Amino acid sequence: MSRLALVTGANRGLGLEVVRQLLQAGLRVVLAARGAGAARAAAEELAREGSSPAVEQLDVASDESVRECAGRLAQAGVEVDVLVNNAGVSIDHGTWFTAPHRQAKARLRNIPGRTPMHRSEPQDPHT
């Protein structure tokens, strides 16, 4: 069976394209987005192209949403092999985190082969 990737923030832009490319590469993909309706709409777009990702509602800034999503995946027997954490959260007046730093470790501790998330500062394209 092929590996399974979970892509957060996958309903548009870069996240949606990552889902598209992973599906084309032969992976099974869970398309996750903060809004369930937005996730379904993105999956319908991919279905028109001949792809069929699974869909999950997931707000990475909400511990409750993360626990609920993890519970649904576990109950379905889904094991995540690849995590693409595309969802961004802007806090601290312009400092970007891929997820709030105080929550990232707890959210990812049960994902095999995880990579810790790191804080990154916005880059000035003029420097």
Protein backbone atom coordinates (compact mmCIF):
# COMPACT_ATOMS: atom_id res chain seq x y z
CA MET A 1 0.00 0.00 0.00
CA SER A 2 1.26 3.49 -0.81
CA ARG A 3 2.33 5.95 1.85
CA LEU A 4 -0.17 8.45 3.20
CA ALA A 5 0.45 12.19 3.44
CA LEU A 6 -1.55 14.68 5.51
CA VAL A 7 -1.38 18.24 4.15
CA THR A 8 -2.63 21.10 6.33
CA GLY A 9 -3.87 24.36 4.85
CA ALA A 10 -4.58 22.39 1.70
CA ASN A 11 -7.72 24.02 0.38
CA ARG A 12 -5.97 26.58 -1.84
CA GLY A 13 -2.67 27.92 -3.11
CA LEU A 14 0.52 26.08 -2.27
CA GLY A 15 -1.24 23.54 -0.04
CA LEU A 16 -3.64 22.51 -2.80
CA GLU A 17 -0.79 22.20 -5.28
CA VAL A 18 1.18 20.06 -2.82
CA VAL A 19 -1.84 17.75 -2.55
CA ARG A 20 -2.10 17.61 -6.35
CA GLN A 21 1.60 16.75 -6.75
CA LEU A 22 1.58 14.11 -3.99
CA LEU A 23 -1.44 12.41 -5.56
CA GLN A 24 0.29 12.44 -8.95
CA ALA A 25 3.35 10.89 -7.30
CA GLY A 26 1.20 7.98 -6.11
CA LEU A 27 0.71 8.82 -2.44
CA ARG A 28 -2.64 8.64 -0.70
CA VAL A 29 -3.43 12.11 0.62
CA VAL A 30 -5.57 13.63 3.34
CA LEU A 31 -6.48 17.19 2.36
CA ALA A 32 -6.92 19.10 5.62
CA ALA A 33 -8.26 22.62 5.98
CA ARG A 34 -9.60 24.82 8.76
CA GLY A 35 -13.07 24.85 7.18
CA ALA A 36 -14.76 21.58 6.25
CA GLY A 37 -16.60 23.26 3.37
CA ALA A 38 -13.38 24.68 1.94
CA ALA A 39 -11.73 21.25 2.21
CA ARG A 40 -14.64 19.58 0.39
CA ALA A 41 -14.61 22.24 -2.35
CA ALA A 42 -10.88 21.71 -2.92
CA ALA A 43 -11.36 17.94 -3.04
CA GLU A 44 -14.15 18.41 -5.60
CA GLU A 45 -11.78 20.47 -7.75
CA LEU A 46 -9.24 17.65 -7.62
CA ALA A 47 -11.96 15.08 -8.36
CA ARG A 48 -12.75 16.92 -11.59
CA GLU A 49 -9.07 16.38 -12.47
CA GLY A 50 -9.34 12.66 -11.71
CA SER A 51 -7.85 12.61 -8.19
CA SER A 52 -9.55 11.65 -4.95
CA PRO A 53 -7.95 12.83 -1.71
CA ALA A 54 -9.53 12.12 1.65
CA VAL A 55 -10.82 15.23 3.43
CA GLU A 56 -10.44 16.33 7.05
CA GLN A 57 -11.37 19.48 8.93
CA LEU A 58 -8.31 20.61 10.89
CA ASP A 59 -7.47 23.96 12.47
CA VAL A 60 -3.83 23.72 13.58
CA ALA A 61 -4.32 26.66 15.96
CA SER A 62 -6.94 24.73 17.95
CA ASP A 63 -5.89 21.94 20.29
CA GLU A 64 -9.45 20.62 20.24
CA SER A 65 -9.52 20.48 16.44
CA VAL A 66 -6.15 18.69 16.36
CA ARG A 67 -7.32 16.10 18.94
CA GLU A 68 -10.59 15.53 17.08
CA CYS A 69 -8.84 15.07 13.73
CA ALA A 70 -6.27 12.72 15.25
CA GLY A 71 -9.09 10.74 16.86
CA ARG A 72 -10.98 10.41 13.57
CA LEU A 73 -7.85 9.26 11.76
CA ALA A 74 -6.96 6.76 14.50
CA GLN A 75 -10.51 5.39 14.58
CA ALA A 76 -10.33 4.87 10.81
CA GLY A 77 -6.98 3.09 11.18
CA VAL A 78 -5.16 5.81 9.24
CA GLU A 79 -1.42 6.12 9.85
CA VAL A 80 0.26 9.28 8.61
CA ASP A 81 3.62 8.69 6.92
CA VAL A 82 4.21 12.24 5.67
CA LEU A 83 3.11 15.49 7.29
CA VAL A 84 3.15 18.67 5.23
CA ASN A 85 2.33 21.44 7.67
CA ASN A 86 1.43 24.15 5.20
CA ALA A 87 -1.07 25.94 7.47
CA GLY A 88 0.40 29.15 8.83
CA VAL A 89 -0.52 31.16 11.89
CA SER A 90 0.52 34.80 12.22
CA ILE A 91 1.02 35.96 15.78
CA ASP A 92 3.35 38.32 17.67
CA HIS A 93 2.91 41.22 15.23
CA GLY A 94 4.28 39.71 12.05
CA THR A 95 6.30 36.78 13.38
CA TRP A 96 5.19 33.65 11.55
CA PHE A 97 4.93 30.21 13.10
CA THR A 98 3.96 27.06 11.28
CA ALA A 99 1.90 26.41 14.40
CA PRO A 100 2.02 28.12 17.79
CA HIS A 101 5.36 27.08 19.24
CA ARG A 102 3.93 26.13 22.60
CA GLN A 103 1.58 23.59 20.97
CA ALA A 104 3.61 22.13 18.10
CA LYS A 105 5.50 19.51 20.11
CA ALA A 106 2.37 18.11 21.78
CA ARG A 107 0.49 17.90 18.49
CA LEU A 108 3.18 16.00 16.65
CA ARG A 109 4.49 13.65 19.31
CA ASN A 110 2.51 10.65 17.99
CA ILE A 111 3.49 11.02 14.35
CA PRO A 112 6.33 8.64 13.43
CA GLY A 113 9.33 10.28 11.79
CA ARG A 114 8.17 13.76 12.75
CA THR A 115 10.29 16.84 12.25
CA PRO A 116 10.03 19.56 14.90
CA MET A 117 8.50 22.83 13.76
CA HIS A 118 10.65 25.90 14.04
CA ARG A 119 9.91 29.59 14.35
CA SER A 120 10.76 31.63 11.30
CA GLU A 121 10.94 35.38 10.84
CA PRO A 122 9.41 37.12 7.81
CA GLN A 123 12.04 37.85 5.19
CA ASP A 124 12.46 41.29 3.63
CA PRO A 125 12.80 40.69 -0.13
CA HIS A 126 14.76 43.96 -0.43
CA THR A 127 17.69 42.87 1.74
